[in-house]
PDB file of N, CA and C in Angstrom:
ATOM      1  N   MET A   1     223.454  50.816  97.056  1.00  0.00           N
ATOM      2  CA  MET A   1     222.619  49.809  97.217  1.00  0.00           C
ATOM      3  C   MET A   1     222.934  48.499  97.028  1.00  0.00           C
ATOM      4  N   ALA A   2     223.346  48.794  95.532  1.00  0.00           N
ATOM      5  CA  ALA A   2     223.472  47.019  94.833  1.00  0.00           C
ATOM      6  C   ALA A   2     224.352  46.627  95.123  1.00  0.00           C
ATOM      7  N   CYS A   3     225.023  47.057  95.953  1.00  0.00           N
ATOM      8  CA  CYS A   3     226.710  46.525  96.589  1.00  0.00           C
ATOM      9  C   CYS A   3     226.406  45.718  97.776  1.00  0.00           C
ATOM     10  N   GLN A   4     225.470  46.136  98.665  1.00  0.00           N
ATOM     11  CA  GLN A   4     224.415  45.166  99.759  1.00  0.00           C
ATOM     12  C   GLN A   4     224.529  43.961 100.023  1.00  0.00           C
ATOM     13  N   GLY A   5     224.077  43.251  99.442  1.00  0.00           N
ATOM     14  CA  GLY A   5     224.145  41.792  99.260  1.00  0.00           C
ATOM     15  C   GLY A   5     225.354  41.064  98.911  1.00  0.00           C
ATOM     16  N   ARG A   6     225.990  41.953  97.324  1.00  0.00           N
ATOM     17  CA  ARG A   6     227.292  41.080  97.596  1.00  0.00           C
ATOM     18  C   ARG A   6     228.205  41.168  98.419  1.00  0.00           C
ATOM     19  N   CYS A   7     228.413  42.371  98.783  1.00  0.00           N
ATOM     20  CA  CYS A   7     229.719  43.196  99.805  1.00  0.00           C
ATOM     21  C   CYS A   7     229.362  42.258 100.830  1.00  0.00           C
ATOM     22  N   ASN A   8     227.810  42.126 101.281  1.00  0.00           N
ATOM     23  CA  ASN A   8     227.662  41.195 102.453  1.00  0.00           C
ATOM     24  C   ASN A   8     228.404  39.581 102.531  1.00  0.00           C
ATOM     25  N   ALA A   9     227.994  38.846 101.420  1.00  0.00           N
ATOM     26  CA  ALA A   9     228.260  37.817 100.908  1.00  0.00           C
ATOM     27  C   ALA A   9     230.195  37.520 101.002  1.00  0.00           C
ATOM     28  N   VAL A  10     230.333  38.686  99.862  1.00  0.00           N
ATOM     29  CA  VAL A  10     232.144  38.853 100.109  1.00  0.00           C
ATOM     30  C   VAL A  10     232.845  38.951 101.452  1.00  0.00           C
ATOM     31  N   ARG A  11     232.114  39.677 102.389  1.00  0.00           N
ATOM     32  CA  ARG A  11     232.375  39.749 103.912  1.00  0.00           C
ATOM     33  C   ARG A  11     232.840  38.302 104.821  1.00  0.00           C
ATOM     34  N   THR A  12     232.089  37.919 104.519  1.00  0.00           N
ATOM     35  CA  THR A  12     231.435  36.438 104.828  1.00  0.00           C
ATOM     36  C   THR A  12     232.207  35.956 104.410  1.00  0.00           C
ATOM     37  N   VAL A  13     232.771  35.110 103.375  1.00  0.00           N
ATOM     38  CA  VAL A  13     233.418  34.931 102.670  1.00  0.00           C
ATOM     39  C   VAL A  13     234.693  34.625 103.680  1.00  0.00           C
ATOM     40  N   ALA A  14     235.387  36.165 102.788  1.00  0.00           N
ATOM     41  CA  ALA A  14     236.486  36.737 103.433  1.00  0.00           C
ATOM     42  C   ALA A  14     236.749  36.203 105.520  1.00  0.00           C
ATOM     43  N   VAL A  15     235.958  36.266 105.652  1.00  0.00           N
ATOM     44  CA  VAL A  15     235.868  35.784 107.210  1.00  0.00           C
ATOM     45  C   VAL A  15     236.084  34.488 107.831  1.00  0.00           C
ATOM     46  N   LEU A  16     235.333  33.686 106.571  1.00  0.00           N
ATOM     47  CA  LEU A  16     235.073  32.239 106.721  1.00  0.00           C
ATOM     48  C   LEU A  16     236.652  31.672 106.597  1.00  0.00           C
ATOM     49  N   LEU A  17     237.593  32.765 105.506  1.00  0.00           N
ATOM     50  CA  LEU A  17     238.805  32.220 105.143  1.00  0.00           C
ATOM     51  C   LEU A  17     239.904  32.776 105.747  1.00  0.00           C
ATOM     52  N   CYS A  18     239.471  33.368 106.424  1.00  0.00           N
ATOM     53  CA  CYS A  18     240.303  33.515 107.757  1.00  0.00           C
ATOM     54  C   CYS A  18     240.497  33.051 108.928  1.00  0.00           C
ATOM     55  N   VAL A  19     239.096  32.413 109.610  1.00  0.00           N
ATOM     56  CA  VAL A  19     239.313  31.532 110.252  1.00  0.00           C
ATOM     57  C   VAL A  19     239.968  29.899 109.918  1.00  0.00           C
ATOM     58  N   MET A  20     239.831  29.139 108.688  1.00  0.00           N
ATOM     59  CA  MET A  20     240.130  28.034 108.046  1.00  0.00           C
ATOM     60  C   MET A  20     241.571  28.680 108.208  1.00  0.00           C
ATOM     61  N   VAL A  21     241.995  29.676 107.825  1.00  0.00           N
ATOM     62  CA  VAL A  21     243.185  29.925 108.484  1.00  0.00           C
ATOM     63  C   VAL A  21     244.110  29.757 109.567  1.00  0.00           C
ATOM     64  N   LEU A  22     243.340  30.420 110.499  1.00  0.00           N
ATOM     65  CA  LEU A  22     243.729  30.525 111.601  1.00  0.00           C
ATOM     66  C   LEU A  22     243.671  28.988 112.271  1.00  0.00           C
ATOM     67  N   ALA A  23     242.400  28.094 112.186  1.00  0.00           N
ATOM     68  CA  ALA A  23     242.346  26.704 112.223  1.00  0.00           C
ATOM     69  C   ALA A  23     243.487  25.373 111.799  1.00  0.00           C
ATOM     70  N   GLU A  24     243.917  25.730 110.497  1.00  0.00           N
ATOM     71  CA  GLU A  24     244.716  25.221 109.973  1.00  0.00           C
ATOM     72  C   GLU A  24     246.453  25.572 111.244  1.00  0.00           C
ATOM     73  N   ALA A  25     246.527  26.735 111.180  1.00  0.00           N
ATOM     74  CA  ALA A  25     247.864  26.940 111.846  1.00  0.00           C
ATOM     75  C   ALA A  25     247.635  26.859 113.742  1.00  0.00           C
ATOM     76  N   ALA A  26     246.252  26.456 114.314  1.00  0.00           N
ATOM     77  CA  ALA A  26     246.319  26.434 115.464  1.00  0.00           C
ATOM     78  C   ALA A  26     246.491  24.603 115.962  1.00  0.00           C
ATOM     79  N   ALA A  27     246.192  24.129 115.067  1.00  0.00           N
ATOM     80  CA  ALA A  27     246.260  22.784 114.689  1.00  0.00           C
ATOM     81  C   ALA A  27     247.668  21.865 114.736  1.00  0.00           C
ATOM     82  N   ALA A  28     248.476  22.560 114.146  1.00  0.00           N
ATOM     83  CA  ALA A  28     249.526  21.996 114.421  1.00  0.00           C
ATOM     84  C   ALA A  28     250.094  21.870 115.874  1.00  0.00           C
ATOM     85  N   ALA A  29     251.069  20.592 115.626  1.00  0.00           N
ATOM     86  CA  ALA A  29     251.057  19.832 116.885  1.00  0.00           C
ATOM     87  C   ALA A  29     252.514  19.632 116.665  1.00  0.00           C
ATOM     88  N   VAL A  30     253.267  19.695 118.277  1.00  0.00           N
ATOM     89  CA  VAL A  30     254.581  19.165 118.326  1.00  0.00           C
ATOM     90  C   VAL A  30     254.780  17.719 118.766  1.00  0.00           C
ATOM     91  N   VAL A  31     255.381  17.093 118.124  1.00  0.00           N
ATOM     92  CA  VAL A  31     255.189  15.604 117.995  1.00  0.00           C
ATOM     93  C   VAL A  31     257.130  15.447 118.855  1.00  0.00           C
ATOM     94  N   ASN A  32     256.763  14.988 120.012  1.00  0.00           N
ATOM     95  CA  ASN A  32     258.151  14.029 120.133  1.00  0.00           C
ATOM     96  C   ASN A  32     258.483  12.911 119.567  1.00  0.00           C
ATOM     97  N   VAL A  33     259.801  12.982 119.211  1.00  0.00           N
ATOM     98  CA  VAL A  33     260.318  12.125 118.323  1.00  0.00           C
ATOM     99  C   VAL A  33     260.699  10.833 119.296  1.00  0.00           C
ATOM    100  N   GLY A  34     260.659   9.754 119.209  1.00  0.00           N
ATOM    101  CA  GLY A  34     260.941   8.568 120.309  1.00  0.00           C
ATOM    102  C   GLY A  34     259.767   8.450 121.052  1.00  0.00           C
ATOM    103  N   GLY A  35     258.576   9.496 121.346  1.00  0.00           N
ATOM    104  CA  GLY A  35     258.126   9.362 122.311  1.00  0.00           C
ATOM    105  C   GLY A  35     258.724   9.641 123.789  1.00  0.00           C
ATOM    106  N   THR A  36     258.394   9.035 124.843  1.00  0.00           N
ATOM    107  CA  THR A  36     259.459   9.606 126.174  1.00  0.00           C
ATOM    108  C   THR A  36     260.777   9.124 126.240  1.00  0.00           C
ATOM    109  N   LYS A  37     261.269   8.034 125.165  1.00  0.00           N
ATOM    110  CA  LYS A  37     262.395   8.035 125.188  1.00  0.00           C
ATOM    111  C   LYS A  37     263.309   8.879 124.678  1.00  0.00           C
ATOM    112  N   GLY A  38     262.332   9.714 124.078  1.00  0.00           N
ATOM    113  CA  GLY A  38     263.507  10.857 123.141  1.00  0.00           C
ATOM    114  C   GLY A  38     264.532  10.672 122.161  1.00  0.00           C
ATOM    115  N   TRP A  39     265.516  11.676 121.860  1.00  0.00           N
ATOM    116  CA  TRP A  39     266.106  10.521 120.384  1.00  0.00           C
ATOM    117  C   TRP A  39     267.782  10.084 121.302  1.00  0.00           C
ATOM    118  N   ASN A  40     267.436   8.823 121.611  1.00  0.00           N
ATOM    119  CA  ASN A  40     268.181   8.063 122.391  1.00  0.00           C
ATOM    120  C   ASN A  40     268.558   7.147 121.051  1.00  0.00           C
ATOM    121  N   LEU A  41     269.967   6.408 121.290  1.00  0.00           N
ATOM    122  CA  LEU A  41     269.880   4.815 121.016  1.00  0.00           C
ATOM    123  C   LEU A  41     269.000   3.798 121.766  1.00  0.00           C
ATOM    124  N   GLY A  42     268.830   2.912 121.203  1.00  0.00           N
ATOM    125  CA  GLY A  42     268.029   1.206 121.461  1.00  0.00           C
ATOM    126  C   GLY A  42     266.497   2.001 121.596  1.00  0.00           C
ATOM    127  N   VAL A  43     266.030   3.209 120.426  1.00  0.00           N
ATOM    128  CA  VAL A  43     264.417   3.172 120.260  1.00  0.00           C
ATOM    129  C   VAL A  43     264.960   2.668 118.510  1.00  0.00           C
ATOM    130  N   ASN A  44     263.415   2.284 118.597  1.00  0.00           N
ATOM    131  CA  ASN A  44     262.958   1.820 117.235  1.00  0.00           C
ATOM    132  C   ASN A  44     262.490   2.758 116.426  1.00  0.00           C
ATOM    133  N   TYR A  45     263.263   3.674 115.421  1.00  0.00           N
ATOM    134  CA  TYR A  45     262.333   4.592 115.412  1.00  0.00           C
ATOM    135  C   TYR A  45     261.875   4.439 114.222  1.00  0.00           C
ATOM    136  N   GLN A  46     261.676   3.326 113.534  1.00  0.00           N
ATOM    137  CA  GLN A  46     261.107   2.650 112.200  1.00  0.00           C
ATOM    138  C   GLN A  46     260.071   2.204 112.631  1.00  0.00           C
ATOM    139  N   THR A  47     259.447   1.447 114.032  1.00  0.00           N
ATOM    140  CA  THR A  47     258.182   1.460 114.349  1.00  0.00           C
ATOM    141  C   THR A  47     257.326   2.755 114.939  1.00  0.00           C
ATOM    142  N   TRP A  48     258.313   3.464 115.447  1.00  0.00           N
ATOM    143  CA  TRP A  48     258.012   4.787 116.044  1.00  0.00           C
ATOM    144  C   TRP A  48     257.213   6.088 114.743  1.00  0.00           C
ATOM    145  N   ALA A  49     258.006   5.781 113.764  1.00  0.00           N
ATOM    146  CA  ALA A  49     257.565   6.451 112.258  1.00  0.00           C
ATOM    147  C   ALA A  49     256.539   5.944 111.827  1.00  0.00           C
ATOM    148  N   SER A  50     256.136   4.569 112.239  1.00  0.00           N
ATOM    149  CA  SER A  50     255.321   3.792 111.732  1.00  0.00           C
ATOM    150  C   SER A  50     254.025   4.493 112.083  1.00  0.00           C
ATOM    151  N   SER A  51     253.567   4.526 113.301  1.00  0.00           N
ATOM    152  CA  SER A  51     252.951   4.404 114.544  1.00  0.00           C
ATOM    153  C   SER A  51     252.470   5.996 114.135  1.00  0.00           C
ATOM    154  N   THR A  52     253.167   7.107 114.058  1.00  0.00           N
ATOM    155  CA  THR A  52     253.276   8.500 114.453  1.00  0.00           C
ATOM    156  C   THR A  52     252.650   9.511 113.200  1.00  0.00           C
ATOM    157  N   LYS A  53     251.512  10.017 113.042  1.00  0.00           N
ATOM    158  CA  LYS A  53     251.296  10.719 111.773  1.00  0.00           C
ATOM    159  C   LYS A  53     251.928  12.600 112.771  1.00  0.00           C
ATOM    160  N   VAL A  54     252.778  12.588 111.113  1.00  0.00           N
ATOM    161  CA  VAL A  54     253.194  14.364 110.902  1.00  0.00           C
ATOM    162  C   VAL A  54     252.384  14.854 109.584  1.00  0.00           C
ATOM    163  N   ARG A  55     251.958  15.906 110.167  1.00  0.00           N
ATOM    164  CA  ARG A  55     251.433  16.787 108.818  1.00  0.00           C
ATOM    165  C   ARG A  55     252.116  18.294 108.891  1.00  0.00           C
ATOM    166  N   PRO A  56     251.852  18.670 107.638  1.00  0.00           N
ATOM    167  CA  PRO A  56     252.705  19.913 107.390  1.00  0.00           C
ATOM    168  C   PRO A  56     252.400  21.125 108.581  1.00  0.00           C
ATOM    169  N   ASN A  57     253.583  21.803 108.885  1.00  0.00           N
ATOM    170  CA  ASN A  57     253.547  22.474 109.822  1.00  0.00           C
ATOM    171  C   ASN A  57     253.551  21.953 111.142  1.00  0.00           C
ATOM    172  N   ASP A  58     253.659  21.056 111.815  1.00  0.00           N
ATOM    173  CA  ASP A  58     253.507  20.235 112.887  1.00  0.00           C
ATOM    174  C   ASP A  58     255.170  20.333 112.979  1.00  0.00           C
ATOM    175  N   SER A  59     255.591  20.469 114.541  1.00  0.00           N
ATOM    176  CA  SER A  59     256.877  20.678 114.765  1.00  0.00           C
ATOM    177  C   SER A  59     257.840  19.067 115.351  1.00  0.00           C
ATOM    178  N   LEU A  60     258.550  18.410 115.154  1.00  0.00           N
ATOM    179  CA  LEU A  60     258.999  17.444 115.157  1.00  0.00           C
ATOM    180  C   LEU A  60     260.256  18.230 116.329  1.00  0.00           C
ATOM    181  N   PHE A  61     260.183  17.228 117.888  1.00  0.00           N
ATOM    182  CA  PHE A  61     260.599  17.889 118.926  1.00  0.00           C
ATOM    183  C   PHE A  61     261.700  16.794 119.268  1.00  0.00           C
ATOM    184  N   PHE A  62     263.378  17.106 119.275  1.00  0.00           N
ATOM    185  CA  PHE A  62     264.086  16.247 119.614  1.00  0.00           C
ATOM    186  C   PHE A  62     264.705  16.401 120.524  1.00  0.00           C
ATOM    187  N   LYS A  63     264.835  15.636 121.773  1.00  0.00           N
ATOM    188  CA  LYS A  63     265.009  16.042 122.927  1.00  0.00           C
ATOM    189  C   LYS A  63     266.556  15.151 123.095  1.00  0.00           C
ATOM    190  N   TYR A  64     267.418  15.427 123.811  1.00  0.00           N
ATOM    191  CA  TYR A  64     268.176  14.913 123.559  1.00  0.00           C
ATOM    192  C   TYR A  64     269.733  14.847 124.862  1.00  0.00           C
ATOM    193  N   ASP A  65     270.403  14.616 125.293  1.00  0.00           N
ATOM    194  CA  ASP A  65     271.947  15.254 125.895  1.00  0.00           C
ATOM    195  C   ASP A  65     272.524  15.551 124.593  1.00  0.00           C
ATOM    196  N   PRO A  66     272.924  16.985 125.055  1.00  0.00           N
ATOM    197  CA  PRO A  66     273.580  17.367 123.656  1.00  0.00           C
ATOM    198  C   PRO A  66     275.281  16.776 123.614  1.00  0.00           C
ATOM    199  N   ARG A  67     275.904  16.626 124.554  1.00  0.00           N
ATOM    200  CA  ARG A  67     276.582  16.233 124.513  1.00  0.00           C
ATOM    201  C   ARG A  67     276.749  14.478 123.919  1.00  0.00           C
ATOM    202  N   LEU A  68     276.087  14.170 123.532  1.00  0.00           N
ATOM    203  CA  LEU A  68     276.065  12.603 123.436  1.00  0.00           C
ATOM    204  C   LEU A  68     275.781  12.369 122.239  1.00  0.00           C
ATOM    205  N   HIS A  69     274.662  13.516 121.819  1.00  0.00           N
ATOM    206  CA  HIS A  69     274.144  13.518 119.921  1.00  0.00           C
ATOM    207  C   HIS A  69     274.058  14.577 119.368  1.00  0.00           C
ATOM    208  N   ASN A  70     273.188  14.396 118.201  1.00  0.00           N
ATOM    209  CA  ASN A  70     272.613  15.917 117.554  1.00  0.00           C
ATOM    210  C   ASN A  70     271.729  15.183 116.653  1.00  0.00           C
ATOM    211  N   VAL A  71     271.473  15.711 115.788  1.00  0.00           N
ATOM    212  CA  VAL A  71     270.540  15.601 114.629  1.00  0.00           C
ATOM    213  C   VAL A  71     270.714  16.361 114.017  1.00  0.00           C
ATOM    214  N   MET A  72     270.629  15.988 112.418  1.00  0.00           N
ATOM    215  CA  MET A  72     271.182  16.550 110.734  1.00  0.00           C
ATOM    216  C   MET A  72     269.855  15.923 110.164  1.00  0.00           C
ATOM    217  N   VAL A  73     269.520  16.349 109.661  1.00  0.00           N
ATOM    218  CA  VAL A  73     268.507  16.127 108.374  1.00  0.00           C
ATOM    219  C   VAL A  73     269.825  16.330 107.323  1.00  0.00           C
ATOM    220  N   VAL A  74     269.479  15.181 106.597  1.00  0.00           N
ATOM    221  CA  VAL A  74     270.293  14.534 105.416  1.00  0.00           C
ATOM    222  C   VAL A  74     269.166  14.038 104.319  1.00  0.00           C
ATOM    223  N   SER A  75     269.851  13.811 103.196  1.00  0.00           N
ATOM    224  CA  SER A  75     269.821  13.368 102.391  1.00  0.00           C
ATOM    225  C   SER A  75     269.296  11.781 102.198  1.00  0.00           C
ATOM    226  N   LYS A  76     268.201  11.187 101.773  1.00  0.00           N
ATOM    227  CA  LYS A  76     267.950   9.971 101.694  1.00  0.00           C
ATOM    228  C   LYS A  76     269.529   8.993 101.472  1.00  0.00           C
ATOM    229  N   ALA A  77     269.900   9.107 100.470  1.00  0.00           N
ATOM    230  CA  ALA A  77     271.400   8.790 100.254  1.00  0.00           C
ATOM    231  C   ALA A  77     271.917   8.836 101.406  1.00  0.00           C
ATOM    232  N   ASP A  78     272.276   9.570 101.992  1.00  0.00           N
ATOM    233  CA  ASP A  78     272.814   9.831 103.520  1.00  0.00           C
ATOM    234  C   ASP A  78     272.403   9.429 104.426  1.00  0.00           C
ATOM    235  N   TYR A  79     271.194   9.418 104.781  1.00  0.00           N
ATOM    236  CA  TYR A  79     270.626   8.307 105.602  1.00  0.00           C
ATOM    237  C   TYR A  79     270.539   7.202 105.124  1.00  0.00           C
ATOM    238  N   ASP A  80     270.244   6.152 104.399  1.00  0.00           N
ATOM    239  CA  ASP A  80     270.952   5.134 103.990  1.00  0.00           C
ATOM    240  C   ASP A  80     272.070   4.752 104.299  1.00  0.00           C
ATOM    241  N   SER A  81     273.306   5.670 104.125  1.00  0.00           N
ATOM    242  CA  SER A  81     274.555   5.026 104.081  1.00  0.00           C
ATOM    243  C   SER A  81     275.406   5.967 105.283  1.00  0.00           C
ATOM    244  N   CYS A  82     274.068   6.265 106.122  1.00  0.00           N
ATOM    245  CA  CYS A  82     274.696   7.244 107.377  1.00  0.00           C
ATOM    246  C   CYS A  82     275.818   8.439 107.537  1.00  0.00           C
ATOM    247  N   LYS A  83     276.042   8.919 105.799  1.00  0.00           N
ATOM    248  CA  LYS A  83     276.958   9.713 105.640  1.00  0.00           C
ATOM    249  C   LYS A  83     276.644  11.439 106.536  1.00  0.00           C
ATOM    250  N   THR A  84     277.450  11.651 107.202  1.00  0.00           N
ATOM    251  CA  THR A  84     277.275  13.163 108.100  1.00  0.00           C
ATOM    252  C   THR A  84     278.165  14.087 107.654  1.00  0.00           C
ATOM    253  N   THR A  85     279.190  13.943 106.707  1.00  0.00           N
ATOM    254  CA  THR A  85     279.496  14.711 106.193  1.00  0.00           C
ATOM    255  C   THR A  85     279.069  16.036 105.025  1.00  0.00           C
ATOM    256  N   SER A  86     277.588  15.855 104.559  1.00  0.00           N
ATOM    257  CA  SER A  86     277.474  16.957 104.217  1.00  0.00           C
ATOM    258  C   SER A  86     275.410  17.249 104.244  1.00  0.00           C
ATOM    259  N   PRO A  87     275.159  17.063 105.644  1.00  0.00           N
ATOM    260  CA  PRO A  87     273.629  17.787 106.318  1.00  0.00           C
ATOM    261  C   PRO A  87     272.956  18.606 105.606  1.00  0.00           C
ATOM    262  N   TRP A  88     271.521  18.689 105.545  1.00  0.00           N
ATOM    263  CA  TRP A  88     270.878  20.086 104.378  1.00  0.00           C
ATOM    264  C   TRP A  88     270.908  20.903 106.160  1.00  0.00           C
ATOM    265  N   SER A  89     271.033  20.100 107.560  1.00  0.00           N
ATOM    266  CA  SER A  89     271.169  21.222 108.769  1.00  0.00           C
ATOM    267  C   SER A  89     271.659  20.448 109.828  1.00  0.00           C
ATOM    268  N   LYS A  90     271.849  21.084 110.356  1.00  0.00           N
ATOM    269  CA  LYS A  90     272.490  20.255 111.889  1.00  0.00           C
ATOM    270  C   LYS A  90     272.254  21.087 113.196  1.00  0.00           C
ATOM    271  N   HIS A  91     271.778  20.060 113.881  1.00  0.00           N
ATOM    272  CA  HIS A  91     270.872  20.901 115.469  1.00  0.00           C
ATOM    273  C   HIS A  91     271.815  20.386 116.581  1.00  0.00           C
ATOM    274  N   THR A  92     272.115  21.019 117.398  1.00  0.00           N
ATOM    275  CA  THR A  92     273.027  20.731 118.636  1.00  0.00           C
ATOM    276  C   THR A  92     272.575  20.682 119.928  1.00  0.00           C
ATOM    277  N   SER A  93     271.148  21.716 119.874  1.00  0.00           N
ATOM    278  CA  SER A  93     270.903  21.933 121.345  1.00  0.00           C
ATOM    279  C   SER A  93     270.220  20.961 122.390  1.00  0.00           C
ATOM    280  N   GLY A  94     269.807  19.986 122.158  1.00  0.00           N
ATOM    281  CA  GLY A  94     269.645  19.057 123.108  1.00  0.00           C
ATOM    282  C   GLY A  94     267.664  18.989 123.422  1.00  0.00           C
ATOM    283  N   LYS A  95     267.390  20.529 122.453  1.00  0.00           N
ATOM    284  CA  LYS A  95     266.266  20.551 122.904  1.00  0.00           C
ATOM    285  C   LYS A  95     265.548  21.270 121.405  1.00  0.00           C
ATOM    286  N   ASP A  96     266.000  20.146 120.352  1.00  0.00           N
ATOM    287  CA  ASP A  96     265.485  20.877 118.861  1.00  0.00           C
ATOM    288  C   ASP A  96     264.381  20.910 117.967  1.00  0.00           C
ATOM    289  N   SER A  97     263.466  21.720 117.487  1.00  0.00           N
ATOM    290  CA  SER A  97     262.180  21.810 117.329  1.00  0.00           C
ATOM    291  C   SER A  97     262.549  21.977 115.662  1.00  0.00           C
ATOM    292  N   ILE A  98     262.106  21.095 114.445  1.00  0.00           N
ATOM    293  CA  ILE A  98     261.953  21.208 112.995  1.00  0.00           C
ATOM    294  C   ILE A  98     260.932  21.177 112.873  1.00  0.00           C
ATOM    295  N   LYS A  99     260.575  21.939 112.102  1.00  0.00           N
ATOM    296  CA  LYS A  99     259.210  22.342 111.925  1.00  0.00           C
ATOM    297  C   LYS A  99     259.630  21.906 110.199  1.00  0.00           C
ATOM    298  N   PHE A 100     258.455  20.986 109.665  1.00  0.00           N
ATOM    299  CA  PHE A 100     258.602  20.757 107.779  1.00  0.00           C
ATOM    300  C   PHE A 100     256.919  21.404 107.282  1.00  0.00           C
ATOM    301  N   THR A 101     256.793  22.338 106.263  1.00  0.00           N
ATOM    302  CA  THR A 101     255.829  22.788 105.777  1.00  0.00           C
ATOM    303  C   THR A 101     255.467  22.028 104.628  1.00  0.00           C
ATOM    304  N   LYS A 102     255.786  21.218 103.919  1.00  0.00           N
ATOM    305  CA  LYS A 102     255.695  21.023 102.821  1.00  0.00           C
ATOM    306  C   LYS A 102     255.440  19.131 103.208  1.00  0.00           C
ATOM    307  N   SER A 103     254.572  17.989 102.159  1.00  0.00           N
ATOM    308  CA  SER A 103     254.457  16.992 102.750  1.00  0.00           C
ATOM    309  C   SER A 103     255.717  16.295 102.099  1.00  0.00           C
ATOM    310  N   GLY A 104     255.880  15.026 102.364  1.00  0.00           N
ATOM    311  CA  GLY A 104     257.070  14.605 101.685  1.00  0.00           C
ATOM    312  C   GLY A 104     257.670  13.919 102.697  1.00  0.00           C
ATOM    313  N   THR A 105     258.865  12.956 102.286  1.00  0.00           N
ATOM    314  CA  THR A 105     259.611  12.733 103.552  1.00  0.00           C
ATOM    315  C   THR A 105     260.827  12.517 103.859  1.00  0.00           C
ATOM    316  N   TYR A 106     260.964  12.908 105.226  1.00  0.00           N
ATOM    317  CA  TYR A 106     262.025  13.352 105.761  1.00  0.00           C
ATOM    318  C   TYR A 106     262.918  12.650 106.564  1.00  0.00           C
ATOM    319  N   TYR A 107     264.478  12.881 106.553  1.00  0.00           N
ATOM    320  CA  TYR A 107     265.582  11.951 106.808  1.00  0.00           C
ATOM    321  C   TYR A 107     266.254  12.644 107.884  1.00  0.00           C
ATOM    322  N   LEU A 108     266.551  11.817 108.892  1.00  0.00           N
ATOM    323  CA  LEU A 108     267.333  12.330 110.446  1.00  0.00           C
ATOM    324  C   LEU A 108     268.032  11.619 110.661  1.00  0.00           C
ATOM    325  N   ILE A 109     269.172  11.870 111.199  1.00  0.00           N
ATOM    326  CA  ILE A 109     270.186  10.610 111.294  1.00  0.00           C
ATOM    327  C   ILE A 109     271.033  11.349 113.050  1.00  0.00           C
ATOM    328  N   CYS A 110     271.593  10.851 113.645  1.00  0.00           N
ATOM    329  CA  CYS A 110     272.571  11.383 114.823  1.00  0.00           C
ATOM    330  C   CYS A 110     273.609  10.974 113.993  1.00  0.00           C
ATOM    331  N   GLY A 111     274.818  12.286 113.967  1.00  0.00           N
ATOM    332  CA  GLY A 111     275.918  12.298 113.866  1.00  0.00           C
ATOM    333  C   GLY A 111     277.090  11.766 114.084  1.00  0.00           C
ATOM    334  N   ILE A 112     276.727  11.559 115.828  1.00  0.00           N
ATOM    335  CA  ILE A 112     277.984  11.016 116.261  1.00  0.00           C
ATOM    336  C   ILE A 112     277.963   9.877 116.529  1.00  0.00           C
ATOM    337  N   GLY A 113     279.613   9.719 116.228  1.00  0.00           N
ATOM    338  CA  GLY A 113     280.414   8.368 116.511  1.00  0.00           C
ATOM    339  C   GLY A 113     279.542   7.461 115.409  1.00  0.00           C
ATOM    340  N   THR A 114     279.275   5.786 115.382  1.00  0.00           N
ATOM    341  CA  THR A 114     278.454   5.286 114.852  1.00  0.00           C
ATOM    342  C   THR A 114     276.689   4.937 115.082  1.00  0.00           C
ATOM    343  N   HIS A 115     276.583   6.135 115.872  1.00  0.00           N
ATOM    344  CA  HIS A 115     274.967   6.202 116.277  1.00  0.00           C
ATOM    345  C   HIS A 115     273.845   5.850 115.308  1.00  0.00           C
ATOM    346  N   CYS A 116     274.595   6.316 113.947  1.00  0.00           N
ATOM    347  CA  CYS A 116     273.821   6.176 113.050  1.00  0.00           C
ATOM    348  C   CYS A 116     273.451   4.904 112.571  1.00  0.00           C
ATOM    349  N   LYS A 117     274.604   4.212 112.173  1.00  0.00           N
ATOM    350  CA  LYS A 117     274.400   2.655 112.087  1.00  0.00           C
ATOM    351  C   LYS A 117     273.942   1.717 113.063  1.00  0.00           C
ATOM    352  N   ALA A 118     273.826   2.144 114.027  1.00  0.00           N
ATOM    353  CA  ALA A 118     273.798   1.758 115.621  1.00  0.00           C
ATOM    354  C   ALA A 118     272.165   1.836 115.521  1.00  0.00           C
ATOM    355  N   GLY A 119     271.512   2.655 114.496  1.00  0.00           N
ATOM    356  CA  GLY A 119     269.491   2.388 114.372  1.00  0.00           C
ATOM    357  C   GLY A 119     269.476   4.272 114.527  1.00  0.00           C
ATOM    358  N   MET A 120     269.898   4.782 115.383  1.00  0.00           N
ATOM    359  CA  MET A 120     269.781   6.306 115.667  1.00  0.00           C
ATOM    360  C   MET A 120     269.486   7.421 114.425  1.00  0.00           C
ATOM    361  N   LYS A 121     268.531   6.813 113.081  1.00  0.00           N
ATOM    362  CA  LYS A 121     267.652   7.315 112.467  1.00  0.00           C
ATOM    363  C   LYS A 121     266.608   7.223 112.163  1.00  0.00           C
ATOM    364  N   VAL A 122     265.509   8.111 111.557  1.00  0.00           N
ATOM    365  CA  VAL A 122     264.260   7.720 111.414  1.00  0.00           C
ATOM    366  C   VAL A 122     263.875   8.877 110.262  1.00  0.00           C
ATOM    367  N   ALA A 123     262.904   8.034 109.316  1.00  0.00           N
ATOM    368  CA  ALA A 123     262.438   8.591 107.940  1.00  0.00           C
ATOM    369  C   ALA A 123     261.156   9.462 108.260  1.00  0.00           C
ATOM    370  N   VAL A 124     261.032  10.141 108.475  1.00  0.00           N
ATOM    371  CA  VAL A 124     259.467  11.124 108.651  1.00  0.00           C
ATOM    372  C   VAL A 124     258.737  10.971 107.646  1.00  0.00           C
ATOM    373  N   THR A 125     257.216  10.817 107.535  1.00  0.00           N
ATOM    374  CA  THR A 125     256.920  11.355 106.123  1.00  0.00           C
ATOM    375  C   THR A 125     255.990  12.250 107.043  1.00  0.00           C
ATOM    376  N   VAL A 126     255.747  13.142 106.051  1.00  0.00           N
ATOM    377  CA  VAL A 126     254.781  14.393 106.753  1.00  0.00           C
ATOM    378  C   VAL A 126     253.732  14.681 105.895  1.00  0.00           C
ATOM    379  N   ARG A 127     252.401  14.097 105.569  1.00  0.00           N
ATOM    380  CA  ARG A 127     251.119  14.366 105.143  1.00  0.00           C
ATOM    381  C   ARG A 127     250.271  14.630 105.403  1.00  0.00           C
ATOM    382  N   TRP A 128     248.845  14.865 104.983  1.00  0.00           N
ATOM    383  CA  TRP A 128     248.085  15.652 105.609  1.00  0.00           C
ATOM    384  C   TRP A 128     247.342  14.339 105.740  1.00  0.00           C
TER     385      TRP A 128
END
């Protein structure tokens, strides 16, 4: 009987923790890169990124014509130089969803032709 009050308190805390974890997972968003224009030439991705909030566990959604573009996750050095030979990951479906679970800045480029040098690259800062 001595446990009754403490056990109820422990159960209450456990339930609240579960609710918080589920709420955080439910709050994850899908962020359309480039807004309605998608992942294409002619979009100012620097402006787009500066006005877009991305939190850990949100998914970046890249919509594009896979015959014309791709998405590569690269290092900052490769982003700055538009180097396409050693991406951390490469996506080619035309409907790619990429999730970053940790805070930080991530660098994404199009690896087709000179698209990156033409501005088809984005640095996305993920933070709470």
